Amino acid sequence: LQFLIQNTVEDQRIERVLLDIECDSDTYEIIGDIPAETAEYGEIANVFTVLKCTDKSIRSVLLTCQLHFLAVQVDPESGETLGEGYAEEYPLESLSITPSDYMARIAVSDFRQAWNDIDDSNESLGRFTLQSKTMAHAVSAVIKLLGMTACDGTGQLSNDSSDMKPHMLHLSGKFLGGHEVLARAQLTVGSGEGTVMKIAIRSDDKAISDAVMSCIS
């Protein structure tokens, strides 16, 4: 993981900046980090944390992040250091890692043929109600959730399309390890109840199909 850290305090320099990360499961293990040595006012520094996935079943996790650094007071006019500094910490927003983060948006030239080439024994089926009130928003939301790319022009709605008519969305991508993943989703906008989606996901590994499906549930 790479974090961009900006020092926004004019009379302060931050040194030895690193991140303390805790995972809400044992899916990831922190095996190393590269702190930022220093960042003057207005500067952006890079902090890196190396995670190792210890679970073969890739799933969504939540990371709690806290910034640790040495705050050193400086004269904003001369830049002269004032004192030795003191240890400081700053909580950051939680960070989520989902299976879609392991997906590359790669299209297939013939979706129908690619779909039929994958054994349906590795298929994962689901039915969901999305919060989207329009078809355009639902299509965009599903593409973003799965981290895949639309095929056959199904990611765009025609000018004469209506929210009252169901829409079929074809998606493809490459999952970690080079596994091809395909999805077919039928979207129907309900009357004031969001959008109902029936979706089938296929790959050469049932565990991957299920993992991608979990991005929605």
N, C-alpha and C. Protein backbone atom coordinates (compact mmCIF):
# COMPACT_ATOMS: atom_id res chain seq x y z
N LEU A 1 0.83 -1.18 0.00
CA LEU A 1 0.00 0.00 0.00
C LEU A 1 0.88 1.24 0.00
N GLN A 2 0.50 2.21 -0.80
CA GLN A 2 1.22 3.48 -0.85
C GLN A 2 0.30 4.59 -0.32
N PHE A 3 0.81 5.38 0.60
CA PHE A 3 0.07 6.50 1.16
C PHE A 3 0.82 7.79 0.85
N LEU A 4 0.07 8.80 0.40
CA LEU A 4 0.65 10.12 0.17
C LEU A 4 0.33 11.00 1.37
N ILE A 5 1.36 11.48 2.03
CA ILE A 5 1.20 12.27 3.25
C ILE A 5 1.65 13.70 2.99
N GLN A 6 0.76 14.65 3.27
CA GLN A 6 1.11 16.06 3.09
C GLN A 6 1.13 16.78 4.43
N ASN A 7 2.21 17.51 4.67
CA ASN A 7 2.33 18.32 5.89
C ASN A 7 1.61 19.64 5.67
N THR A 8 0.56 19.89 6.43
CA THR A 8 -0.25 21.10 6.25
C THR A 8 -0.10 22.10 7.40
N VAL A 9 0.85 21.83 8.31
CA VAL A 9 1.08 22.73 9.45
C VAL A 9 2.30 23.60 9.15
N GLU A 10 2.08 24.91 9.08
CA GLU A 10 3.13 25.82 8.61
C GLU A 10 4.36 25.86 9.50
N ASP A 11 4.16 25.79 10.82
CA ASP A 11 5.30 25.92 11.73
C ASP A 11 5.77 24.56 12.26
N GLN A 12 5.63 23.55 11.41
CA GLN A 12 5.99 22.20 11.86
C GLN A 12 6.62 21.39 10.72
N ARG A 13 7.59 20.58 11.10
CA ARG A 13 8.17 19.60 10.19
C ARG A 13 7.87 18.22 10.77
N ILE A 14 7.49 17.29 9.94
CA ILE A 14 7.22 15.94 10.44
C ILE A 14 8.33 15.00 9.98
N GLU A 15 8.73 14.12 10.87
CA GLU A 15 9.83 13.20 10.59
C GLU A 15 9.43 11.78 10.99
N ARG A 16 10.15 10.82 10.40
CA ARG A 16 9.94 9.39 10.68
C ARG A 16 8.45 9.04 10.66
N VAL A 17 7.84 9.31 9.53
CA VAL A 17 6.39 9.12 9.36
C VAL A 17 6.12 7.67 8.93
N LEU A 18 5.30 6.98 9.69
CA LEU A 18 4.91 5.62 9.32
C LEU A 18 3.47 5.37 9.72
N LEU A 19 2.93 4.25 9.24
CA LEU A 19 1.53 3.93 9.49
C LEU A 19 1.40 2.67 10.33
N ASP A 20 0.49 2.73 11.28
CA ASP A 20 0.14 1.57 12.08
C ASP A 20 -1.20 1.07 11.54
N ILE A 21 -1.20 -0.15 11.01
CA ILE A 21 -2.40 -0.69 10.37
C ILE A 21 -2.86 -1.94 11.09
N GLU A 22 -4.17 -2.01 11.35
CA GLU A 22 -4.77 -3.20 11.95
C GLU A 22 -5.88 -3.69 11.04
N CYS A 23 -5.92 -5.00 10.82
CA CYS A 23 -6.91 -5.63 9.96
C CYS A 23 -8.01 -6.26 10.81
N ASP A 24 -9.25 -6.20 10.33
CA ASP A 24 -10.36 -6.76 11.11
C ASP A 24 -10.46 -8.28 10.98
N SER A 25 -9.50 -8.89 10.27
CA SER A 25 -9.44 -10.35 10.18
C SER A 25 -7.97 -10.74 10.04
N ASP A 26 -7.72 -12.05 9.97
CA ASP A 26 -6.34 -12.51 9.81
C ASP A 26 -5.99 -12.74 8.35
N THR A 27 -6.73 -12.09 7.44
CA THR A 27 -6.51 -12.27 6.01
C THR A 27 -5.15 -11.72 5.58
N TYR A 28 -4.74 -10.60 6.19
CA TYR A 28 -3.48 -9.96 5.81
C TYR A 28 -2.53 -9.87 6.99
N GLU A 29 -1.25 -10.00 6.67
CA GLU A 29 -0.19 -9.85 7.66
C GLU A 29 0.76 -8.76 7.19
N ILE A 30 1.08 -7.83 8.07
CA ILE A 30 2.03 -6.77 7.72
C ILE A 30 3.44 -7.34 7.83
N ILE A 31 4.17 -7.30 6.71
CA ILE A 31 5.51 -7.89 6.70
C ILE A 31 6.61 -6.83 6.50
N GLY A 32 6.23 -5.58 6.37
CA GLY A 32 7.25 -4.54 6.23
C GLY A 32 6.65 -3.18 5.97
N ASP A 33 7.47 -2.15 6.19
CA ASP A 33 7.02 -0.79 5.88
C ASP A 33 8.23 0.08 5.56
N ILE A 34 7.98 1.12 4.80
CA ILE A 34 9.01 2.10 4.46
C ILE A 34 8.49 3.47 4.89
N PRO A 35 9.02 4.02 5.96
CA PRO A 35 8.54 5.33 6.44
C PRO A 35 9.06 6.47 5.58
N ALA A 36 8.45 7.62 5.73
CA ALA A 36 8.95 8.84 5.11
C ALA A 36 9.88 9.51 6.11
N GLU A 37 11.07 9.85 5.67
CA GLU A 37 12.05 10.42 6.60
C GLU A 37 11.65 11.79 7.10
N THR A 38 11.15 12.65 6.20
CA THR A 38 10.79 14.01 6.62
C THR A 38 9.87 14.66 5.59
N ALA A 39 9.09 15.62 6.06
CA ALA A 39 8.24 16.40 5.16
C ALA A 39 8.09 17.80 5.75
N GLU A 40 8.60 18.78 5.02
CA GLU A 40 8.45 20.17 5.42
C GLU A 40 7.03 20.64 5.11
N TYR A 41 6.69 21.84 5.57
CA TYR A 41 5.35 22.39 5.32
C TYR A 41 5.06 22.42 3.81
N GLY A 42 3.91 21.88 3.43
CA GLY A 42 3.48 21.87 2.03
C GLY A 42 4.02 20.71 1.22
N GLU A 43 4.98 19.98 1.74
CA GLU A 43 5.56 18.87 1.00
C GLU A 43 4.70 17.62 1.12
N ILE A 44 4.80 16.76 0.08
CA ILE A 44 4.11 15.47 0.08
C ILE A 44 5.15 14.37 0.14
N ALA A 45 4.98 13.46 1.05
CA ALA A 45 5.91 12.35 1.22
C ALA A 45 5.18 11.02 1.03
N ASN A 46 5.93 9.99 0.65
CA ASN A 46 5.36 8.66 0.43
C ASN A 46 5.67 7.74 1.60
N VAL A 47 4.65 7.02 2.05
CA VAL A 47 4.81 6.01 3.08
C VAL A 47 4.27 4.69 2.52
N PHE A 48 5.04 3.62 2.67
CA PHE A 48 4.65 2.33 2.11
C PHE A 48 4.48 1.29 3.22
N THR A 49 3.46 0.45 3.07
CA THR A 49 3.25 -0.69 3.97
C THR A 49 3.05 -1.93 3.11
N VAL A 50 3.78 -2.99 3.42
CA VAL A 50 3.72 -4.23 2.65
C VAL A 50 2.83 -5.24 3.38
N LEU A 51 1.80 -5.71 2.69
CA LEU A 51 0.88 -6.69 3.26
C LEU A 51 1.05 -8.03 2.56
N LYS A 52 0.91 -9.09 3.31
CA LYS A 52 0.93 -10.44 2.76
C LYS A 52 -0.42 -11.08 3.00
N CYS A 53 -1.02 -11.61 1.92
CA CYS A 53 -2.30 -12.27 2.04
C CYS A 53 -2.07 -13.69 2.57
N THR A 54 -2.62 -13.99 3.73
CA THR A 54 -2.41 -15.29 4.36
C THR A 54 -3.59 -16.24 4.17
N ASP A 55 -4.63 -15.77 3.50
CA ASP A 55 -5.84 -16.56 3.31
C ASP A 55 -6.07 -16.77 1.82
N LYS A 56 -6.21 -18.02 1.38
CA LYS A 56 -6.42 -18.31 -0.04
C LYS A 56 -7.76 -17.79 -0.53
N SER A 57 -8.73 -17.71 0.34
CA SER A 57 -10.04 -17.19 -0.04
C SER A 57 -10.04 -15.67 0.13
N ILE A 58 -9.84 -14.98 -0.96
CA ILE A 58 -9.77 -13.51 -0.93
C ILE A 58 -11.15 -12.94 -0.61
N ARG A 59 -11.20 -12.10 0.40
CA ARG A 59 -12.47 -11.53 0.81
C ARG A 59 -12.27 -10.07 1.20
N SER A 60 -13.37 -9.40 1.43
CA SER A 60 -13.31 -7.99 1.82
C SER A 60 -12.84 -7.84 3.26
N VAL A 61 -11.95 -6.88 3.48
CA VAL A 61 -11.46 -6.62 4.83
C VAL A 61 -11.45 -5.11 5.06
N LEU A 62 -11.44 -4.75 6.34
CA LEU A 62 -11.39 -3.33 6.72
C LEU A 62 -10.10 -3.10 7.49
N LEU A 63 -9.35 -2.10 7.06
CA LEU A 63 -8.08 -1.77 7.71
C LEU A 63 -8.23 -0.47 8.50
N THR A 64 -7.84 -0.51 9.76
CA THR A 64 -7.81 0.69 10.59
C THR A 64 -6.41 1.27 10.54
N CYS A 65 -6.30 2.53 10.17
CA CYS A 65 -4.99 3.15 9.94
C CYS A 65 -4.76 4.33 10.88
N GLN A 66 -3.56 4.40 11.40
CA GLN A 66 -3.18 5.51 12.26
C GLN A 66 -1.76 5.96 11.90
N LEU A 67 -1.62 7.27 11.73
CA LEU A 67 -0.33 7.85 11.35
C LEU A 67 0.49 8.15 12.59
N HIS A 68 1.75 7.74 12.56
CA HIS A 68 2.68 8.03 13.65
C HIS A 68 3.85 8.84 13.09
N PHE A 69 4.25 9.88 13.80
CA PHE A 69 5.35 10.71 13.30
C PHE A 69 5.93 11.53 14.45
N LEU A 70 7.07 12.12 14.16
CA LEU A 70 7.71 13.03 15.11
C LEU A 70 7.44 14.45 14.63
N ALA A 71 6.77 15.25 15.45
CA ALA A 71 6.46 16.63 15.09
C ALA A 71 7.55 17.55 15.63
N VAL A 72 8.15 18.32 14.74
CA VAL A 72 9.23 19.22 15.12
C VAL A 72 8.81 20.66 14.81
N GLN A 73 8.82 21.51 15.83
CA GLN A 73 8.46 22.91 15.62
C GLN A 73 9.58 23.64 14.87
N VAL A 74 9.18 24.49 13.93
CA VAL A 74 10.15 25.27 13.17
C VAL A 74 9.68 26.71 13.08
N ASP A 75 10.62 27.61 12.86
CA ASP A 75 10.29 29.01 12.64
C ASP A 75 9.80 29.13 11.19
N PRO A 76 8.55 29.53 10.98
CA PRO A 76 8.02 29.60 9.61
C PRO A 76 8.73 30.61 8.73
N GLU A 77 9.41 31.56 9.33
CA GLU A 77 10.12 32.56 8.55
C GLU A 77 11.50 32.07 8.12
N SER A 78 12.26 31.54 9.07
CA SER A 78 13.63 31.12 8.79
C SER A 78 13.77 29.62 8.54
N GLY A 79 12.79 28.85 8.98
CA GLY A 79 12.89 27.41 8.84
C GLY A 79 13.75 26.77 9.92
N GLU A 80 14.19 27.57 10.88
CA GLU A 80 15.06 27.07 11.95
C GLU A 80 14.28 26.15 12.88
N THR A 81 14.93 25.05 13.27
CA THR A 81 14.32 24.08 14.17
C THR A 81 14.23 24.64 15.58
N LEU A 82 13.06 24.47 16.20
CA LEU A 82 12.84 24.97 17.56
C LEU A 82 12.55 23.78 18.47
N GLY A 83 13.53 23.25 19.12
CA GLY A 83 13.33 22.12 20.01
C GLY A 83 13.61 20.79 19.34
N GLU A 84 13.41 19.72 20.12
CA GLU A 84 13.75 18.39 19.65
C GLU A 84 12.57 17.65 19.01
N GLY A 85 11.37 18.12 19.19
CA GLY A 85 10.22 17.45 18.62
C GLY A 85 9.57 16.49 19.60
N TYR A 86 8.40 16.01 19.26
CA TYR A 86 7.65 15.12 20.13
C TYR A 86 6.85 14.13 19.28
N ALA A 87 6.62 12.95 19.86
CA ALA A 87 5.87 11.91 19.15
C ALA A 87 4.40 12.31 19.03
N GLU A 88 3.84 12.07 17.87
CA GLU A 88 2.44 12.43 17.61
C GLU A 88 1.79 11.31 16.81
N GLU A 89 0.49 11.21 16.92
CA GLU A 89 -0.26 10.24 16.13
C GLU A 89 -1.54 10.88 15.63
N TYR A 90 -2.02 10.36 14.49
CA TYR A 90 -3.19 10.97 13.85
C TYR A 90 -4.01 9.85 13.20
N PRO A 91 -5.27 9.66 13.62
CA PRO A 91 -6.10 8.60 13.04
C PRO A 91 -6.55 8.97 11.62
N LEU A 92 -6.52 7.99 10.74
CA LEU A 92 -6.97 8.18 9.36
C LEU A 92 -8.29 7.44 9.16
N GLU A 93 -8.95 7.73 8.06
CA GLU A 93 -10.17 7.00 7.72
C GLU A 93 -9.83 5.53 7.47
N SER A 94 -10.75 4.66 7.83
CA SER A 94 -10.54 3.23 7.60
C SER A 94 -10.45 2.95 6.10
N LEU A 95 -9.70 1.94 5.76
CA LEU A 95 -9.45 1.58 4.36
C LEU A 95 -9.99 0.18 4.12
N SER A 96 -10.77 0.02 3.07
CA SER A 96 -11.30 -1.31 2.74
C SER A 96 -10.59 -1.89 1.53
N ILE A 97 -10.33 -3.18 1.58
CA ILE A 97 -9.78 -3.92 0.44
C ILE A 97 -10.80 -4.98 0.07
N THR A 98 -11.27 -4.97 -1.17
CA THR A 98 -12.27 -5.92 -1.62
C THR A 98 -11.71 -6.74 -2.78
N PRO A 99 -12.35 -7.86 -3.14
CA PRO A 99 -11.88 -8.65 -4.28
C PRO A 99 -11.78 -7.85 -5.58
N SER A 100 -12.58 -6.80 -5.72
CA SER A 100 -12.51 -6.00 -6.95
C SER A 100 -11.16 -5.29 -7.10
N ASP A 101 -10.43 -5.12 -5.99
CA ASP A 101 -9.11 -4.50 -6.06
C ASP A 101 -8.10 -5.42 -6.74
N TYR A 102 -8.46 -6.69 -6.91
CA TYR A 102 -7.59 -7.66 -7.56
C TYR A 102 -8.02 -7.90 -9.01
N MET A 103 -8.92 -7.07 -9.51
CA MET A 103 -9.47 -7.24 -10.85
C MET A 103 -8.91 -6.21 -11.82
N ALA A 104 -8.51 -6.68 -13.00
CA ALA A 104 -8.08 -5.78 -14.08
C ALA A 104 -9.22 -5.65 -15.09
N ARG A 105 -9.47 -4.44 -15.53
CA ARG A 105 -10.57 -4.18 -16.47
C ARG A 105 -10.13 -4.55 -17.89
N ILE A 106 -10.34 -5.79 -18.27
CA ILE A 106 -9.92 -6.28 -19.60
C ILE A 106 -11.14 -6.83 -20.32
N ALA A 107 -11.40 -6.32 -21.52
CA ALA A 107 -12.57 -6.73 -22.30
C ALA A 107 -12.27 -7.98 -23.12
N VAL A 108 -13.33 -8.68 -23.52
CA VAL A 108 -13.21 -9.81 -24.43
C VAL A 108 -13.86 -9.42 -25.75
N SER A 109 -13.34 -9.96 -26.84
CA SER A 109 -13.85 -9.56 -28.16
C SER A 109 -15.19 -10.20 -28.49
N ASP A 110 -15.43 -11.41 -27.97
CA ASP A 110 -16.68 -12.12 -28.22
C ASP A 110 -17.21 -12.62 -26.89
N PHE A 111 -18.05 -11.82 -26.25
CA PHE A 111 -18.53 -12.16 -24.91
C PHE A 111 -19.34 -13.45 -24.91
N ARG A 112 -20.23 -13.63 -25.88
CA ARG A 112 -21.08 -14.81 -25.90
C ARG A 112 -20.24 -16.09 -25.98
N GLN A 113 -19.25 -16.09 -26.86
CA GLN A 113 -18.40 -17.26 -27.00
C GLN A 113 -17.59 -17.50 -25.72
N ALA A 114 -17.04 -16.43 -25.17
CA ALA A 114 -16.25 -16.56 -23.94
C ALA A 114 -17.11 -17.09 -22.79
N TRP A 115 -18.35 -16.62 -22.73
CA TRP A 115 -19.27 -17.08 -21.68
C TRP A 115 -19.54 -18.58 -21.81
N ASN A 116 -19.81 -19.03 -23.04
CA ASN A 116 -20.12 -20.44 -23.27
C ASN A 116 -18.90 -21.34 -23.08
N ASP A 117 -17.71 -20.78 -23.22
CA ASP A 117 -16.49 -21.57 -23.06
C ASP A 117 -16.18 -21.90 -21.60
N ILE A 118 -16.77 -21.15 -20.66
CA ILE A 118 -16.52 -21.38 -19.24
C ILE A 118 -17.57 -22.34 -18.68
N ASP A 119 -17.12 -23.37 -18.00
CA ASP A 119 -18.01 -24.36 -17.41
C ASP A 119 -18.94 -23.70 -16.39
N ASP A 120 -20.24 -23.94 -16.52
CA ASP A 120 -21.18 -23.31 -15.58
C ASP A 120 -21.14 -23.94 -14.20
N SER A 121 -20.32 -24.98 -14.00
CA SER A 121 -20.18 -25.55 -12.66
C SER A 121 -19.44 -24.59 -11.73
N ASN A 122 -18.72 -23.62 -12.32
CA ASN A 122 -18.02 -22.61 -11.52
C ASN A 122 -18.81 -21.30 -11.45
N GLU A 123 -20.08 -21.37 -11.74
CA GLU A 123 -20.93 -20.18 -11.78
C GLU A 123 -21.47 -19.84 -10.39
N SER A 124 -21.53 -18.56 -10.11
CA SER A 124 -22.12 -18.05 -8.87
C SER A 124 -23.33 -17.19 -9.25
N LEU A 125 -24.46 -17.45 -8.60
CA LEU A 125 -25.70 -16.74 -8.91
C LEU A 125 -26.14 -15.88 -7.73
N GLY A 126 -26.73 -14.74 -8.05
CA GLY A 126 -27.19 -13.86 -6.97
C GLY A 126 -28.34 -12.97 -7.40
N ARG A 127 -29.10 -12.53 -6.44
CA ARG A 127 -30.19 -11.58 -6.68
C ARG A 127 -30.12 -10.51 -5.60
N PHE A 128 -30.09 -9.25 -6.03
CA PHE A 128 -29.89 -8.15 -5.09
C PHE A 128 -30.84 -7.00 -5.42
N THR A 129 -31.10 -6.19 -4.42
CA THR A 129 -31.83 -4.94 -4.64
C THR A 129 -30.87 -3.80 -4.38
N LEU A 130 -30.57 -3.04 -5.43
CA LEU A 130 -29.65 -1.91 -5.34
C LEU A 130 -30.42 -0.64 -4.98
N GLN A 131 -29.70 0.31 -4.42
CA GLN A 131 -30.32 1.58 -4.02
C GLN A 131 -30.53 2.52 -5.20
N SER A 132 -30.00 2.17 -6.36
CA SER A 132 -30.09 3.04 -7.54
C SER A 132 -31.54 3.25 -7.97
N LYS A 133 -31.87 4.50 -8.28
CA LYS A 133 -33.23 4.84 -8.68
C LYS A 133 -33.39 4.92 -10.20
N THR A 134 -32.26 4.97 -10.92
CA THR A 134 -32.31 5.02 -12.37
C THR A 134 -31.42 3.92 -12.95
N MET A 135 -31.68 3.55 -14.20
CA MET A 135 -30.90 2.50 -14.84
C MET A 135 -29.46 2.93 -15.06
N ALA A 136 -29.26 4.18 -15.44
CA ALA A 136 -27.91 4.68 -15.68
C ALA A 136 -27.06 4.59 -14.42
N HIS A 137 -27.65 4.97 -13.29
CA HIS A 137 -26.92 4.92 -12.03
C HIS A 137 -26.65 3.47 -11.63
N ALA A 138 -27.59 2.58 -11.87
CA ALA A 138 -27.41 1.17 -11.52
C ALA A 138 -26.29 0.53 -12.33
N VAL A 139 -26.26 0.81 -13.61
CA VAL A 139 -25.21 0.27 -14.48
C VAL A 139 -23.84 0.74 -14.01
N SER A 140 -23.72 2.02 -13.75
CA SER A 140 -22.45 2.59 -13.28
C SER A 140 -22.04 1.98 -11.94
N ALA A 141 -22.99 1.79 -11.04
CA ALA A 141 -22.70 1.26 -9.70
C ALA A 141 -22.19 -0.17 -9.77
N VAL A 142 -22.81 -1.00 -10.60
CA VAL A 142 -22.40 -2.40 -10.71
C VAL A 142 -20.99 -2.51 -11.30
N ILE A 143 -20.72 -1.73 -12.32
CA ILE A 143 -19.38 -1.74 -12.92
C ILE A 143 -18.32 -1.35 -11.90
N LYS A 144 -18.63 -0.34 -11.11
CA LYS A 144 -17.68 0.11 -10.09
C LYS A 144 -17.51 -0.91 -8.98
N LEU A 145 -18.59 -1.52 -8.52
CA LEU A 145 -18.53 -2.49 -7.44
C LEU A 145 -17.67 -3.69 -7.81
N LEU A 146 -17.80 -4.18 -9.04
CA LEU A 146 -17.09 -5.39 -9.45
C LEU A 146 -15.70 -5.10 -10.01
N GLY A 147 -15.43 -3.86 -10.37
CA GLY A 147 -14.11 -3.52 -10.90
C GLY A 147 -13.86 -4.10 -12.27
N MET A 148 -14.94 -4.35 -13.02
CA MET A 148 -14.83 -4.98 -14.34
C MET A 148 -15.15 -3.96 -15.44
N THR A 149 -15.07 -4.39 -16.69
CA THR A 149 -15.38 -3.49 -17.80
C THR A 149 -16.58 -4.02 -18.57
N ALA A 150 -17.40 -3.12 -19.10
CA ALA A 150 -18.59 -3.52 -19.85
C ALA A 150 -18.22 -3.97 -21.25
N CYS A 151 -18.92 -4.97 -21.75
CA CYS A 151 -18.69 -5.51 -23.10
C CYS A 151 -19.94 -5.32 -23.96
N ASP A 152 -19.75 -5.41 -25.27
CA ASP A 152 -20.84 -5.35 -26.24
C ASP A 152 -21.64 -4.05 -26.15
N GLY A 153 -21.02 -2.99 -25.63
CA GLY A 153 -21.70 -1.71 -25.53
C GLY A 153 -22.78 -1.68 -24.48
N THR A 154 -22.82 -2.68 -23.59
CA THR A 154 -23.90 -2.74 -22.58
C THR A 154 -23.70 -1.76 -21.43
N GLY A 155 -22.54 -1.12 -21.40
CA GLY A 155 -22.30 -0.13 -20.35
C GLY A 155 -22.92 1.22 -20.67
N GLN A 156 -23.40 1.37 -21.91
CA GLN A 156 -24.03 2.62 -22.33
C GLN A 156 -25.50 2.37 -22.65
N LEU A 157 -26.34 3.29 -22.26
CA LEU A 157 -27.76 3.19 -22.56
C LEU A 157 -28.08 3.99 -23.80
N SER A 158 -28.93 3.45 -24.66
CA SER A 158 -29.32 4.16 -25.87
C SER A 158 -30.24 5.32 -25.52
N ASN A 159 -30.31 6.27 -26.43
CA ASN A 159 -31.12 7.47 -26.19
C ASN A 159 -32.59 7.15 -25.99
N ASP A 160 -33.05 6.06 -26.64
CA ASP A 160 -34.47 5.72 -26.53
C ASP A 160 -34.73 4.67 -25.45
N SER A 161 -33.71 4.38 -24.63
CA SER A 161 -33.90 3.38 -23.58
C SER A 161 -34.77 3.96 -22.47
N SER A 162 -35.50 3.08 -21.82
CA SER A 162 -36.40 3.50 -20.75
C SER A 162 -36.06 2.77 -19.47
N ASP A 163 -36.22 3.46 -18.33
CA ASP A 163 -35.99 2.81 -17.04
C ASP A 163 -37.02 1.73 -16.77
N MET A 164 -38.10 1.72 -17.55
CA MET A 164 -39.14 0.72 -17.34
C MET A 164 -38.77 -0.62 -17.97
N LYS A 165 -37.79 -0.63 -18.86
CA LYS A 165 -37.39 -1.86 -19.54
C LYS A 165 -36.16 -2.46 -18.87
N PRO A 166 -36.10 -3.78 -18.69
CA PRO A 166 -34.90 -4.43 -18.13
C PRO A 166 -33.69 -4.20 -19.03
N HIS A 167 -32.53 -4.19 -18.43
CA HIS A 167 -31.29 -3.99 -19.19
C HIS A 167 -30.32 -5.11 -18.84
N MET A 168 -29.70 -5.70 -19.88
CA MET A 168 -28.71 -6.76 -19.67
C MET A 168 -27.31 -6.17 -19.77
N LEU A 169 -26.51 -6.38 -18.73
CA LEU A 169 -25.15 -5.85 -18.65
C LEU A 169 -24.16 -7.00 -18.72
N HIS A 170 -23.21 -6.92 -19.66
CA HIS A 170 -22.16 -7.92 -19.81
C HIS A 170 -20.84 -7.32 -19.32
N LEU A 171 -20.14 -8.04 -18.45
CA LEU A 171 -18.89 -7.54 -17.87
C LEU A 171 -17.79 -8.59 -17.98
N SER A 172 -16.56 -8.11 -18.08
CA SER A 172 -15.41 -9.03 -18.11
C SER A 172 -14.24 -8.40 -17.38
N GLY A 173 -13.30 -9.25 -16.98
CA GLY A 173 -12.10 -8.79 -16.30
C GLY A 173 -11.13 -9.94 -16.07
N LYS A 174 -9.93 -9.60 -15.63
CA LYS A 174 -8.91 -10.59 -15.28
C LYS A 174 -8.63 -10.48 -13.79
N PHE A 175 -8.83 -11.59 -13.09
CA PHE A 175 -8.59 -11.62 -11.65
C PHE A 175 -7.15 -12.01 -11.36
N LEU A 176 -6.71 -11.72 -10.13
CA LEU A 176 -5.37 -12.06 -9.70
C LEU A 176 -5.01 -13.49 -10.09
N GLY A 177 -3.85 -13.66 -10.75
CA GLY A 177 -3.44 -14.98 -11.22
C GLY A 177 -3.79 -15.22 -12.68
N GLY A 178 -4.40 -14.22 -13.34
CA GLY A 178 -4.74 -14.35 -14.76
C GLY A 178 -6.04 -15.06 -15.03
N HIS A 179 -6.91 -15.17 -14.03
CA HIS A 179 -8.19 -15.85 -14.20
C HIS A 179 -9.21 -14.93 -14.89
N GLU A 180 -9.76 -15.39 -15.99
CA GLU A 180 -10.79 -14.62 -16.68
C GLU A 180 -12.10 -14.73 -15.92
N VAL A 181 -12.76 -13.58 -15.72
CA VAL A 181 -14.03 -13.54 -15.02
C VAL A 181 -15.05 -12.83 -15.91
N LEU A 182 -16.23 -13.43 -16.02
CA LEU A 182 -17.31 -12.85 -16.81
C LEU A 182 -18.56 -12.75 -15.95
N ALA A 183 -19.38 -11.76 -16.25
CA ALA A 183 -20.62 -11.57 -15.49
C ALA A 183 -21.74 -11.12 -16.42
N ARG A 184 -22.92 -11.63 -16.17
CA ARG A 184 -24.14 -11.20 -16.87
C ARG A 184 -25.13 -10.75 -15.82
N ALA A 185 -25.57 -9.51 -15.93
CA ALA A 185 -26.49 -8.96 -14.93
C ALA A 185 -27.73 -8.39 -15.61
N GLN A 186 -28.89 -8.82 -15.15
CA GLN A 186 -30.15 -8.25 -15.63
C GLN A 186 -30.64 -7.25 -14.59
N LEU A 187 -30.81 -6.01 -15.02
CA LEU A 187 -31.21 -4.92 -14.13
C LEU A 187 -32.62 -4.47 -14.45
N THR A 188 -33.43 -4.33 -13.39
CA THR A 188 -34.79 -3.86 -13.55
C THR A 188 -35.08 -2.80 -12.50
N VAL A 189 -35.41 -1.60 -12.94
CA VAL A 189 -35.70 -0.50 -12.02
C VAL A 189 -37.11 -0.67 -11.48
N GLY A 190 -37.22 -0.73 -10.15
CA GLY A 190 -38.53 -0.89 -9.53
C GLY A 190 -39.20 0.44 -9.29
N SER A 191 -40.45 0.39 -8.91
CA SER A 191 -41.20 1.62 -8.64
C SER A 191 -40.96 2.06 -7.20
N GLY A 192 -39.95 2.90 -7.02
CA GLY A 192 -39.64 3.44 -5.70
C GLY A 192 -38.91 2.48 -4.79
N GLU A 193 -38.52 1.31 -5.30
CA GLU A 193 -37.85 0.33 -4.46
C GLU A 193 -36.41 0.06 -4.91
N GLY A 194 -35.83 0.95 -5.65
CA GLY A 194 -34.48 0.73 -6.14
C GLY A 194 -34.47 -0.13 -7.39
N THR A 195 -33.34 -0.78 -7.65
CA THR A 195 -33.17 -1.60 -8.84
C THR A 195 -32.90 -3.05 -8.45
N VAL A 196 -33.65 -3.95 -9.03
CA VAL A 196 -33.46 -5.38 -8.79
C VAL A 196 -32.45 -5.91 -9.80
N MET A 197 -31.46 -6.63 -9.31
CA MET A 197 -30.44 -7.20 -10.19
C MET A 197 -30.34 -8.71 -9.99
N LYS A 198 -30.43 -9.43 -11.10
CA LYS A 198 -30.13 -10.86 -11.13
C LYS A 198 -28.80 -11.01 -11.87
N ILE A 199 -27.84 -11.66 -11.22
CA ILE A 199 -26.51 -11.70 -11.79
C ILE A 199 -25.90 -13.10 -11.73
N ALA A 200 -25.17 -13.45 -12.77
CA ALA A 200 -24.42 -14.70 -12.83
C ALA A 200 -22.96 -14.36 -13.12
N ILE A 201 -22.06 -14.96 -12.37
CA ILE A 201 -20.63 -14.71 -12.53
C ILE A 201 -19.93 -16.04 -12.79
N ARG A 202 -19.08 -16.07 -13.81
CA ARG A 202 -18.35 -17.29 -14.15
C ARG A 202 -16.85 -17.03 -14.20
N SER A 203 -16.09 -18.05 -13.82
CA SER A 203 -14.64 -18.06 -13.97
C SER A 203 -14.21 -19.52 -13.97
N ASP A 204 -12.90 -19.77 -14.04
CA ASP A 204 -12.43 -21.16 -14.02
C ASP A 204 -12.26 -21.68 -12.60
N ASP A 205 -12.67 -20.89 -11.60
CA ASP A 205 -12.54 -21.28 -10.20
C ASP A 205 -13.77 -20.78 -9.45
N LYS A 206 -14.54 -21.70 -8.88
CA LYS A 206 -15.78 -21.32 -8.18
C LYS A 206 -15.50 -20.36 -7.02
N ALA A 207 -14.35 -20.53 -6.35
CA ALA A 207 -14.02 -19.65 -5.23
C ALA A 207 -13.85 -18.21 -5.71
N ILE A 208 -13.31 -18.02 -6.91
CA ILE A 208 -13.14 -16.67 -7.46
C ILE A 208 -14.50 -16.08 -7.82
N SER A 209 -15.36 -16.88 -8.42
CA SER A 209 -16.71 -16.41 -8.76
C SER A 209 -17.43 -15.95 -7.50
N ASP A 210 -17.32 -16.73 -6.44
CA ASP A 210 -17.97 -16.37 -5.18
C ASP A 210 -17.36 -15.11 -4.57
N ALA A 211 -16.03 -14.99 -4.68
CA ALA A 211 -15.34 -13.82 -4.12
C ALA A 211 -15.79 -12.54 -4.82
N VAL A 212 -15.91 -12.60 -6.15
CA VAL A 212 -16.35 -11.43 -6.92
C VAL A 212 -17.80 -11.10 -6.57
N MET A 213 -18.62 -12.13 -6.40
CA MET A 213 -20.02 -11.90 -6.02
C MET A 213 -20.10 -11.20 -4.67
N SER A 214 -19.17 -11.50 -3.77
CA SER A 214 -19.19 -10.90 -2.43
C SER A 214 -18.97 -9.39 -2.46
N CYS A 215 -18.47 -8.85 -3.57
CA CYS A 215 -18.30 -7.39 -3.69
C CYS A 215 -19.65 -6.69 -3.65
N ILE A 216 -20.71 -7.41 -4.00
CA ILE A 216 -22.05 -6.83 -4.00
C ILE A 216 -22.74 -7.06 -2.67
N SER A 217 -22.65 -8.26 -2.17
CA SER A 217 -23.35 -8.60 -0.93
C SER A 217 -22.66 -8.05 0.29
